[in-house]
């Protein structure tokens, strides 16, 4: 008898972020591939990751997953290719997140879906000030994560229509459901 997996908060988020992803799906920043087990069988996933070492960590997945070592700021796909784009805790590390969001918008089909789970900067002035002061050290320790980004505003500025928000941890973790 196998060990039963204990559900964690990120299991629910991973199910939410992949739930509506059907057809041809682009995952930005697949990391070690933890999201890949959550996709529906109908999804054909191209999982991107700029880091070669992370790509090597992603071993065997279903036939519906293709790996691509690419940067989100320069996606090598034609315009209007994907039905959906998914990202989990990734836009905090992309060096030029606005450029990456414009690329995501470019490769999405009309009315294509964008679902992200991201940590975002605090709304209250004290929290924002703390995050701003802590960000250089946090960025160094975590290998590039920025805790002070306003990803929701960046998604809107890239021209996406935000149709739903899901918040956790006092709004520091949000799920963004958007359409092109």
N, C-alpha and C. Protein backbone atom coordinates (compact mmCIF):
# COMPACT_ATOMS: atom_id res chain seq x y z
N UNK A 1 0.85 -1.18 0.00
CA UNK A 1 0.00 0.00 0.00
C UNK A 1 0.90 1.24 0.00
N UNK A 2 0.63 2.19 -0.92
CA UNK A 2 1.44 3.40 -1.05
C UNK A 2 1.08 4.42 0.01
N UNK A 3 1.99 5.38 0.17
CA UNK A 3 1.74 6.46 1.11
C UNK A 3 0.74 7.44 0.53
N UNK A 4 -0.15 7.89 1.36
CA UNK A 4 -1.14 8.87 0.94
C UNK A 4 -0.51 10.26 0.97
N UNK A 5 -0.72 11.01 -0.09
CA UNK A 5 -0.17 12.36 -0.18
C UNK A 5 -1.00 13.32 0.67
N UNK A 6 -0.33 14.13 1.45
CA UNK A 6 -0.99 15.17 2.23
C UNK A 6 -1.16 16.39 1.35
N UNK A 7 -2.39 16.89 1.25
CA UNK A 7 -2.64 18.08 0.43
C UNK A 7 -2.08 19.32 1.12
N UNK A 8 -1.51 20.18 0.32
CA UNK A 8 -1.00 21.44 0.83
C UNK A 8 -1.72 22.58 0.11
N UNK A 9 -1.50 23.82 0.59
CA UNK A 9 -2.16 24.96 -0.03
C UNK A 9 -1.84 25.07 -1.51
N UNK A 10 -0.63 24.70 -1.91
CA UNK A 10 -0.28 24.87 -3.32
C UNK A 10 -0.92 23.81 -4.21
N UNK A 11 -1.37 22.68 -3.66
CA UNK A 11 -2.13 21.72 -4.47
C UNK A 11 -3.41 22.36 -4.98
N UNK A 12 -4.12 23.06 -4.12
CA UNK A 12 -5.35 23.74 -4.53
C UNK A 12 -5.05 24.80 -5.59
N UNK A 13 -3.99 25.57 -5.40
CA UNK A 13 -3.63 26.59 -6.38
C UNK A 13 -3.24 25.96 -7.71
N UNK A 14 -2.50 24.89 -7.68
CA UNK A 14 -2.07 24.24 -8.92
C UNK A 14 -3.27 23.66 -9.68
N UNK A 15 -4.23 23.12 -8.95
CA UNK A 15 -5.45 22.65 -9.59
C UNK A 15 -6.22 23.83 -10.20
N UNK A 16 -6.30 24.94 -9.47
CA UNK A 16 -7.02 26.10 -9.98
C UNK A 16 -6.36 26.66 -11.23
N UNK A 17 -5.05 26.82 -11.21
CA UNK A 17 -4.35 27.48 -12.32
C UNK A 17 -4.40 26.64 -13.60
N UNK A 18 -4.48 25.32 -13.48
CA UNK A 18 -4.50 24.44 -14.66
C UNK A 18 -5.91 24.00 -15.06
N UNK A 19 -6.89 24.25 -14.21
CA UNK A 19 -8.24 23.72 -14.39
C UNK A 19 -8.87 24.03 -15.75
N UNK A 20 -8.75 25.25 -16.22
CA UNK A 20 -9.41 25.65 -17.47
C UNK A 20 -8.48 25.57 -18.68
N UNK A 21 -7.25 25.12 -18.47
CA UNK A 21 -6.28 25.05 -19.56
C UNK A 21 -6.58 23.85 -20.45
N UNK A 22 -7.06 24.15 -21.64
CA UNK A 22 -7.39 23.11 -22.63
C UNK A 22 -6.77 23.48 -23.96
N UNK A 23 -6.71 22.53 -24.87
CA UNK A 23 -6.12 22.79 -26.18
C UNK A 23 -4.62 22.91 -26.05
N UNK A 24 -4.03 23.82 -26.82
CA UNK A 24 -2.59 24.03 -26.76
C UNK A 24 -2.30 25.05 -25.66
N UNK A 25 -1.51 24.63 -24.67
CA UNK A 25 -1.25 25.41 -23.46
C UNK A 25 0.24 25.71 -23.35
N UNK A 26 0.55 26.95 -23.00
CA UNK A 26 1.92 27.36 -22.74
C UNK A 26 2.07 27.57 -21.24
N UNK A 27 3.01 26.86 -20.63
CA UNK A 27 3.33 27.14 -19.23
C UNK A 27 4.63 27.92 -19.19
N UNK A 28 4.57 29.08 -18.56
CA UNK A 28 5.74 29.96 -18.43
C UNK A 28 6.45 29.59 -17.13
N UNK A 29 7.75 29.32 -17.22
CA UNK A 29 8.54 29.04 -16.02
C UNK A 29 8.13 27.76 -15.33
N UNK A 30 8.26 26.65 -16.00
CA UNK A 30 7.81 25.36 -15.45
C UNK A 30 8.64 24.88 -14.27
N UNK A 31 9.82 25.45 -14.07
CA UNK A 31 10.65 25.05 -12.93
C UNK A 31 10.97 23.58 -12.96
N UNK A 32 10.62 22.87 -11.90
CA UNK A 32 10.88 21.43 -11.84
C UNK A 32 9.69 20.61 -12.33
N UNK A 33 8.69 21.25 -12.91
CA UNK A 33 7.58 20.53 -13.52
C UNK A 33 6.45 20.15 -12.60
N UNK A 34 6.39 20.73 -11.41
CA UNK A 34 5.40 20.31 -10.42
C UNK A 34 3.96 20.51 -10.90
N UNK A 35 3.70 21.51 -11.77
CA UNK A 35 2.33 21.73 -12.27
C UNK A 35 1.89 20.67 -13.26
N UNK A 36 2.82 20.01 -13.91
CA UNK A 36 2.49 19.17 -15.06
C UNK A 36 1.53 18.04 -14.75
N UNK A 37 1.56 17.53 -13.55
CA UNK A 37 0.65 16.43 -13.19
C UNK A 37 -0.80 16.89 -13.03
N UNK A 38 -1.03 18.19 -12.98
CA UNK A 38 -2.37 18.72 -12.73
C UNK A 38 -3.16 19.02 -14.01
N UNK A 39 -2.52 19.01 -15.16
CA UNK A 39 -3.23 19.33 -16.40
C UNK A 39 -4.20 18.22 -16.80
N UNK A 40 -5.30 18.62 -17.43
CA UNK A 40 -6.26 17.67 -17.97
C UNK A 40 -5.63 16.95 -19.16
N UNK A 41 -6.10 15.76 -19.44
CA UNK A 41 -5.58 14.97 -20.55
C UNK A 41 -5.78 15.67 -21.89
N UNK A 42 -6.80 16.55 -21.99
CA UNK A 42 -7.07 17.25 -23.25
C UNK A 42 -6.07 18.36 -23.53
N UNK A 43 -5.27 18.72 -22.58
CA UNK A 43 -4.30 19.81 -22.76
C UNK A 43 -3.02 19.26 -23.38
N UNK A 44 -2.54 19.95 -24.41
CA UNK A 44 -1.22 19.68 -24.97
C UNK A 44 -0.33 20.82 -24.48
N UNK A 45 0.63 20.53 -23.64
CA UNK A 45 1.37 21.55 -22.90
C UNK A 45 2.79 21.70 -23.46
N UNK A 46 3.14 22.95 -23.72
CA UNK A 46 4.54 23.31 -23.97
C UNK A 46 5.00 24.01 -22.70
N UNK A 47 5.89 23.35 -21.97
CA UNK A 47 6.38 23.87 -20.70
C UNK A 47 7.73 24.55 -20.94
N UNK A 48 7.77 25.86 -20.69
CA UNK A 48 9.00 26.60 -20.91
C UNK A 48 9.72 26.87 -19.60
N UNK A 49 11.03 26.98 -19.73
CA UNK A 49 11.89 27.26 -18.57
C UNK A 49 13.21 27.76 -19.13
N UNK A 50 13.71 28.91 -18.66
CA UNK A 50 14.98 29.40 -19.19
C UNK A 50 16.21 28.68 -18.64
N UNK A 51 16.06 28.03 -17.50
CA UNK A 51 17.19 27.42 -16.81
C UNK A 51 17.38 25.97 -17.23
N UNK A 52 18.54 25.66 -17.81
CA UNK A 52 18.83 24.31 -18.29
C UNK A 52 18.80 23.28 -17.16
N UNK A 53 19.30 23.65 -15.97
CA UNK A 53 19.30 22.70 -14.86
C UNK A 53 17.88 22.33 -14.43
N UNK A 54 16.98 23.32 -14.43
CA UNK A 54 15.59 23.02 -14.08
C UNK A 54 14.94 22.12 -15.12
N UNK A 55 15.23 22.37 -16.39
CA UNK A 55 14.68 21.52 -17.46
C UNK A 55 15.12 20.08 -17.24
N UNK A 56 16.36 19.87 -16.83
CA UNK A 56 16.86 18.51 -16.60
C UNK A 56 16.14 17.83 -15.44
N UNK A 57 15.60 18.60 -14.48
CA UNK A 57 14.87 18.02 -13.35
C UNK A 57 13.52 17.45 -13.77
N UNK A 58 12.97 17.99 -14.85
CA UNK A 58 11.67 17.51 -15.33
C UNK A 58 11.92 16.21 -16.09
N UNK A 59 11.51 15.12 -15.49
CA UNK A 59 11.78 13.83 -16.11
C UNK A 59 10.62 13.43 -17.02
N UNK A 60 10.11 12.26 -16.85
CA UNK A 60 9.07 11.76 -17.76
C UNK A 60 7.69 12.23 -17.33
N UNK A 61 7.00 12.82 -18.29
CA UNK A 61 5.61 13.22 -18.10
C UNK A 61 4.79 12.64 -19.23
N UNK A 62 3.51 12.87 -19.21
CA UNK A 62 2.61 12.34 -20.22
C UNK A 62 3.04 12.80 -21.61
N UNK A 63 2.54 12.10 -22.59
CA UNK A 63 2.85 12.42 -23.99
C UNK A 63 2.41 13.82 -24.39
N UNK A 64 1.56 14.43 -23.60
CA UNK A 64 1.03 15.73 -23.97
C UNK A 64 1.90 16.90 -23.51
N UNK A 65 3.15 16.65 -23.05
CA UNK A 65 4.03 17.71 -22.56
C UNK A 65 5.30 17.77 -23.41
N UNK A 66 5.62 18.98 -23.88
CA UNK A 66 6.87 19.24 -24.60
C UNK A 66 7.63 20.29 -23.80
N UNK A 67 8.93 20.08 -23.64
CA UNK A 67 9.77 21.03 -22.89
C UNK A 67 10.50 21.95 -23.85
N UNK A 68 10.63 23.21 -23.46
CA UNK A 68 11.34 24.19 -24.28
C UNK A 68 12.15 25.10 -23.38
N UNK A 69 13.45 25.19 -23.64
CA UNK A 69 14.30 26.09 -22.87
C UNK A 69 14.29 27.46 -23.55
N UNK A 70 13.42 28.35 -23.07
CA UNK A 70 13.27 29.68 -23.64
C UNK A 70 13.01 30.69 -22.54
N UNK A 71 13.31 31.96 -22.85
CA UNK A 71 12.99 33.07 -21.96
C UNK A 71 11.59 33.57 -22.27
N UNK A 72 10.86 33.95 -21.24
CA UNK A 72 9.49 34.44 -21.43
C UNK A 72 9.45 35.76 -22.19
N UNK A 73 10.54 36.51 -22.16
CA UNK A 73 10.59 37.80 -22.85
C UNK A 73 10.75 37.67 -24.36
N UNK A 74 11.15 36.50 -24.83
CA UNK A 74 11.38 36.25 -26.27
C UNK A 74 10.82 34.89 -26.65
N UNK A 75 9.52 34.77 -26.65
CA UNK A 75 8.88 33.49 -26.97
C UNK A 75 8.99 33.19 -28.46
N UNK A 76 9.51 32.01 -28.82
CA UNK A 76 9.75 31.68 -30.23
C UNK A 76 8.53 31.06 -30.92
N UNK A 77 7.36 31.55 -30.61
CA UNK A 77 6.13 30.98 -31.16
C UNK A 77 5.41 32.04 -31.98
N UNK A 78 4.69 31.60 -33.01
CA UNK A 78 3.93 32.57 -33.83
C UNK A 78 2.80 33.23 -33.03
N UNK A 79 2.36 34.37 -33.54
CA UNK A 79 1.21 35.08 -32.95
C UNK A 79 0.01 34.15 -32.90
N UNK A 80 -0.82 34.32 -31.86
CA UNK A 80 -2.10 33.61 -31.72
C UNK A 80 -1.97 32.09 -31.84
N UNK A 81 -0.99 31.52 -31.15
CA UNK A 81 -0.75 30.08 -31.19
C UNK A 81 -1.49 29.33 -30.09
N UNK A 82 -1.56 29.89 -28.89
CA UNK A 82 -1.99 29.14 -27.72
C UNK A 82 -3.42 29.48 -27.29
N UNK A 83 -4.12 28.45 -26.81
CA UNK A 83 -5.45 28.62 -26.25
C UNK A 83 -5.39 29.15 -24.83
N UNK A 84 -4.32 28.82 -24.11
CA UNK A 84 -4.18 29.21 -22.71
C UNK A 84 -2.72 29.34 -22.35
N UNK A 85 -2.45 30.24 -21.39
CA UNK A 85 -1.11 30.38 -20.81
C UNK A 85 -1.26 30.30 -19.29
N UNK A 86 -0.33 29.58 -18.67
CA UNK A 86 -0.36 29.35 -17.23
C UNK A 86 1.00 29.71 -16.64
N UNK A 87 0.99 30.26 -15.44
CA UNK A 87 2.23 30.52 -14.72
C UNK A 87 1.98 30.47 -13.23
N UNK A 88 2.93 29.92 -12.50
CA UNK A 88 2.80 29.80 -11.05
C UNK A 88 4.07 30.33 -10.38
N UNK A 89 3.93 31.42 -9.65
CA UNK A 89 5.03 32.02 -8.91
C UNK A 89 6.25 32.21 -9.80
N UNK A 90 6.03 32.83 -10.97
CA UNK A 90 7.11 32.98 -11.94
C UNK A 90 7.36 34.43 -12.34
N UNK A 91 6.33 35.26 -12.38
CA UNK A 91 6.54 36.63 -12.86
C UNK A 91 7.33 37.48 -11.87
N UNK A 92 7.55 36.99 -10.68
CA UNK A 92 8.41 37.69 -9.72
C UNK A 92 9.88 37.55 -10.09
N UNK A 93 10.22 36.55 -10.89
CA UNK A 93 11.63 36.30 -11.22
C UNK A 93 12.00 36.69 -12.64
N UNK A 94 11.03 36.90 -13.51
CA UNK A 94 11.33 37.26 -14.89
C UNK A 94 11.94 38.67 -14.90
N UNK A 95 13.14 38.82 -15.47
CA UNK A 95 13.79 40.13 -15.43
C UNK A 95 12.94 41.28 -15.99
N UNK A 96 12.28 41.06 -17.11
CA UNK A 96 11.46 42.11 -17.71
C UNK A 96 10.02 41.58 -17.81
N UNK A 97 9.32 41.59 -16.68
CA UNK A 97 7.96 41.02 -16.62
C UNK A 97 6.99 41.71 -17.57
N UNK A 98 6.99 43.04 -17.71
CA UNK A 98 6.07 43.66 -18.67
C UNK A 98 6.30 43.17 -20.10
N UNK A 99 7.55 43.02 -20.48
CA UNK A 99 7.85 42.51 -21.83
C UNK A 99 7.36 41.07 -21.98
N UNK A 100 7.55 40.25 -20.94
CA UNK A 100 7.08 38.87 -20.97
C UNK A 100 5.55 38.81 -21.09
N UNK A 101 4.85 39.67 -20.37
CA UNK A 101 3.38 39.70 -20.47
C UNK A 101 2.93 40.13 -21.86
N UNK A 102 3.65 41.04 -22.49
CA UNK A 102 3.32 41.41 -23.87
C UNK A 102 3.56 40.24 -24.82
N UNK A 103 4.60 39.46 -24.59
CA UNK A 103 4.85 38.27 -25.39
C UNK A 103 3.74 37.24 -25.19
N UNK A 104 3.33 37.05 -23.94
CA UNK A 104 2.23 36.13 -23.64
C UNK A 104 0.98 36.55 -24.38
N UNK A 105 0.68 37.83 -24.35
CA UNK A 105 -0.51 38.34 -25.05
C UNK A 105 -0.39 38.10 -26.55
N UNK A 106 0.80 38.29 -27.09
CA UNK A 106 1.02 38.09 -28.53
C UNK A 106 0.76 36.65 -28.95
N UNK A 107 1.22 35.68 -28.15
CA UNK A 107 1.10 34.28 -28.56
C UNK A 107 -0.25 33.66 -28.21
N UNK A 108 -1.07 34.37 -27.43
CA UNK A 108 -2.41 33.88 -27.10
C UNK A 108 -3.38 34.13 -28.26
N UNK A 109 -4.26 33.18 -28.48
CA UNK A 109 -5.33 33.36 -29.45
C UNK A 109 -6.31 34.41 -28.93
N UNK A 110 -7.11 35.01 -29.82
CA UNK A 110 -8.15 35.94 -29.35
C UNK A 110 -9.03 35.25 -28.31
N UNK A 111 -9.29 35.94 -27.22
CA UNK A 111 -10.07 35.43 -26.10
C UNK A 111 -9.37 34.27 -25.36
N UNK A 112 -8.07 34.09 -25.62
CA UNK A 112 -7.31 33.07 -24.91
C UNK A 112 -7.20 33.40 -23.43
N UNK A 113 -7.00 32.38 -22.60
CA UNK A 113 -6.98 32.60 -21.15
C UNK A 113 -5.56 32.65 -20.61
N UNK A 114 -5.40 33.51 -19.62
CA UNK A 114 -4.17 33.62 -18.86
C UNK A 114 -4.53 33.37 -17.41
N UNK A 115 -3.91 32.37 -16.80
CA UNK A 115 -4.12 32.12 -15.38
C UNK A 115 -2.78 32.09 -14.69
N UNK A 116 -2.66 32.95 -13.69
CA UNK A 116 -1.42 33.07 -12.92
C UNK A 116 -1.71 32.93 -11.44
N UNK A 117 -0.78 32.35 -10.72
CA UNK A 117 -0.74 32.42 -9.26
C UNK A 117 0.58 33.10 -8.93
N UNK A 118 0.48 34.25 -8.26
CA UNK A 118 1.66 35.06 -7.99
C UNK A 118 1.59 35.63 -6.58
N UNK A 119 2.77 35.85 -5.99
CA UNK A 119 2.79 36.66 -4.78
C UNK A 119 2.99 38.09 -5.24
N UNK A 120 2.37 39.01 -4.54
CA UNK A 120 2.38 40.41 -4.97
C UNK A 120 2.72 41.31 -3.79
N UNK A 121 3.06 42.54 -4.11
CA UNK A 121 3.43 43.46 -3.04
C UNK A 121 2.21 43.81 -2.19
N UNK A 122 2.48 44.13 -0.95
CA UNK A 122 1.42 44.44 0.01
C UNK A 122 0.67 45.71 -0.40
N UNK A 123 -0.59 45.78 -0.03
CA UNK A 123 -1.42 46.96 -0.32
C UNK A 123 -1.19 48.07 0.70
N UNK A 124 -0.96 47.70 1.97
CA UNK A 124 -0.82 48.75 2.99
C UNK A 124 0.57 49.39 2.92
N UNK A 125 0.66 50.67 3.27
CA UNK A 125 1.93 51.41 3.14
C UNK A 125 3.09 50.80 3.93
N UNK A 126 2.81 50.30 5.14
CA UNK A 126 3.88 49.69 5.94
C UNK A 126 4.41 48.44 5.25
N UNK A 127 3.51 47.58 4.80
CA UNK A 127 3.91 46.35 4.11
C UNK A 127 4.69 46.64 2.83
N UNK A 128 4.22 47.62 2.05
CA UNK A 128 4.93 47.99 0.82
C UNK A 128 6.33 48.50 1.13
N UNK A 129 6.44 49.35 2.15
CA UNK A 129 7.76 49.90 2.53
C UNK A 129 8.70 48.78 2.98
N UNK A 130 8.18 47.86 3.78
CA UNK A 130 9.00 46.73 4.24
C UNK A 130 9.48 45.90 3.05
N UNK A 131 8.57 45.60 2.12
CA UNK A 131 8.93 44.79 0.96
C UNK A 131 9.98 45.50 0.09
N UNK A 132 9.84 46.80 -0.04
CA UNK A 132 10.80 47.57 -0.83
C UNK A 132 12.18 47.51 -0.19
N UNK A 133 12.24 47.64 1.14
CA UNK A 133 13.52 47.58 1.84
C UNK A 133 14.12 46.17 1.82
N UNK A 134 13.28 45.17 1.95
CA UNK A 134 13.75 43.79 2.02
C UNK A 134 14.07 43.19 0.65
N UNK A 135 13.56 43.79 -0.41
CA UNK A 135 13.68 43.17 -1.73
C UNK A 135 15.11 42.88 -2.18
N UNK A 136 16.09 43.78 -2.02
CA UNK A 136 17.44 43.44 -2.49
C UNK A 136 18.00 42.17 -1.83
N UNK A 137 17.84 42.04 -0.53
CA UNK A 137 18.33 40.84 0.15
C UNK A 137 17.52 39.61 -0.27
N UNK A 138 16.21 39.76 -0.35
CA UNK A 138 15.34 38.66 -0.76
C UNK A 138 15.70 38.20 -2.17
N UNK A 139 15.89 39.15 -3.07
CA UNK A 139 16.26 38.87 -4.45
C UNK A 139 17.54 38.05 -4.51
N UNK A 140 18.53 38.43 -3.71
CA UNK A 140 19.81 37.73 -3.68
C UNK A 140 19.67 36.31 -3.12
N UNK A 141 18.99 36.19 -1.99
CA UNK A 141 18.86 34.90 -1.29
C UNK A 141 18.04 33.90 -2.10
N UNK A 142 17.02 34.38 -2.81
CA UNK A 142 16.12 33.46 -3.51
C UNK A 142 16.48 33.24 -4.98
N UNK A 143 17.56 33.80 -5.42
CA UNK A 143 17.97 33.58 -6.80
C UNK A 143 17.18 34.37 -7.82
N UNK A 144 16.67 35.54 -7.44
CA UNK A 144 16.03 36.40 -8.42
C UNK A 144 14.59 36.78 -8.16
N UNK A 145 14.00 36.30 -7.09
CA UNK A 145 12.60 36.63 -6.79
C UNK A 145 12.51 38.08 -6.29
N UNK A 146 11.50 38.78 -6.79
CA UNK A 146 11.21 40.16 -6.35
C UNK A 146 9.88 40.15 -5.59
N UNK A 147 9.93 40.48 -4.31
CA UNK A 147 8.70 40.42 -3.50
C UNK A 147 7.88 41.70 -3.60
N UNK A 148 8.36 42.67 -4.34
CA UNK A 148 7.68 43.97 -4.37
C UNK A 148 7.02 44.28 -5.72
N UNK A 149 6.75 43.28 -6.53
CA UNK A 149 6.13 43.53 -7.83
C UNK A 149 4.62 43.62 -7.74
N UNK A 150 4.06 44.46 -8.59
CA UNK A 150 2.61 44.61 -8.70
C UNK A 150 2.17 43.90 -9.98
N UNK A 151 2.13 42.58 -9.94
CA UNK A 151 1.85 41.77 -11.12
C UNK A 151 0.45 42.02 -11.66
N UNK A 152 -0.51 42.23 -10.79
CA UNK A 152 -1.88 42.47 -11.25
C UNK A 152 -1.93 43.72 -12.14
N UNK A 153 -1.31 44.80 -11.72
CA UNK A 153 -1.27 46.02 -12.53
C UNK A 153 -0.54 45.78 -13.84
N UNK A 154 0.53 44.99 -13.80
CA UNK A 154 1.29 44.68 -15.02
C UNK A 154 0.44 43.88 -16.01
N UNK A 155 -0.37 42.95 -15.49
CA UNK A 155 -1.26 42.16 -16.36
C UNK A 155 -2.26 43.09 -17.05
N UNK A 156 -2.84 43.99 -16.28
CA UNK A 156 -3.79 44.95 -16.87
C UNK A 156 -3.10 45.87 -17.87
N UNK A 157 -1.90 46.35 -17.54
CA UNK A 157 -1.17 47.25 -18.43
C UNK A 157 -0.80 46.57 -19.75
N UNK A 158 -0.65 45.25 -19.73
CA UNK A 158 -0.34 44.51 -20.95
C UNK A 158 -1.57 44.32 -21.84
N UNK A 159 -2.73 44.78 -21.36
CA UNK A 159 -3.93 44.72 -22.19
C UNK A 159 -4.86 43.56 -21.92
N UNK A 160 -4.63 42.84 -20.83
CA UNK A 160 -5.50 41.73 -20.49
C UNK A 160 -6.74 42.23 -19.75
N UNK A 161 -7.83 41.53 -19.93
CA UNK A 161 -9.08 41.78 -19.21
C UNK A 161 -9.12 40.83 -18.02
N UNK A 162 -8.95 41.35 -16.82
CA UNK A 162 -8.97 40.51 -15.62
C UNK A 162 -10.42 40.22 -15.28
N UNK A 163 -10.78 38.94 -15.32
CA UNK A 163 -12.17 38.55 -15.07
C UNK A 163 -12.38 37.93 -13.70
N UNK A 164 -11.29 37.64 -12.99
CA UNK A 164 -11.43 37.08 -11.66
C UNK A 164 -10.14 37.14 -10.87
N UNK A 165 -10.28 37.33 -9.57
CA UNK A 165 -9.14 37.33 -8.65
C UNK A 165 -9.46 36.41 -7.48
N UNK A 166 -8.47 35.68 -7.05
CA UNK A 166 -8.59 34.82 -5.88
C UNK A 166 -7.43 35.15 -4.98
N UNK A 167 -7.73 35.47 -3.72
CA UNK A 167 -6.69 35.93 -2.80
C UNK A 167 -6.51 34.98 -1.63
N UNK A 168 -5.26 34.92 -1.16
CA UNK A 168 -4.93 34.14 0.02
C UNK A 168 -3.81 34.87 0.75
N UNK A 169 -3.61 34.53 1.98
CA UNK A 169 -2.53 35.10 2.81
C UNK A 169 -2.60 36.63 2.81
N UNK A 170 -3.76 37.15 3.19
CA UNK A 170 -4.00 38.60 3.27
C UNK A 170 -3.76 39.30 1.94
N UNK A 171 -4.03 38.61 0.85
CA UNK A 171 -3.88 39.19 -0.47
C UNK A 171 -2.46 39.21 -1.00
N UNK A 172 -1.53 38.56 -0.31
CA UNK A 172 -0.15 38.51 -0.79
C UNK A 172 0.06 37.43 -1.84
N UNK A 173 -0.81 36.44 -1.87
CA UNK A 173 -0.83 35.43 -2.92
C UNK A 173 -2.15 35.61 -3.65
N UNK A 174 -2.08 35.80 -4.98
CA UNK A 174 -3.32 35.98 -5.74
C UNK A 174 -3.34 35.07 -6.94
N UNK A 175 -4.55 34.67 -7.30
CA UNK A 175 -4.79 33.98 -8.55
C UNK A 175 -5.42 34.99 -9.49
N UNK A 176 -4.84 35.13 -10.66
CA UNK A 176 -5.33 36.07 -11.66
C UNK A 176 -5.91 35.27 -12.81
N UNK A 177 -7.19 35.51 -13.10
CA UNK A 177 -7.86 34.87 -14.24
C UNK A 177 -8.14 35.98 -15.24
N UNK A 178 -7.48 35.93 -16.40
CA UNK A 178 -7.58 37.02 -17.38
C UNK A 178 -7.79 36.46 -18.78
N UNK A 179 -8.26 37.33 -19.66
CA UNK A 179 -8.48 36.98 -21.06
C UNK A 179 -7.80 38.02 -21.94
N UNK A 180 -7.40 37.57 -23.13
CA UNK A 180 -6.81 38.47 -24.12
C UNK A 180 -7.92 39.31 -24.72
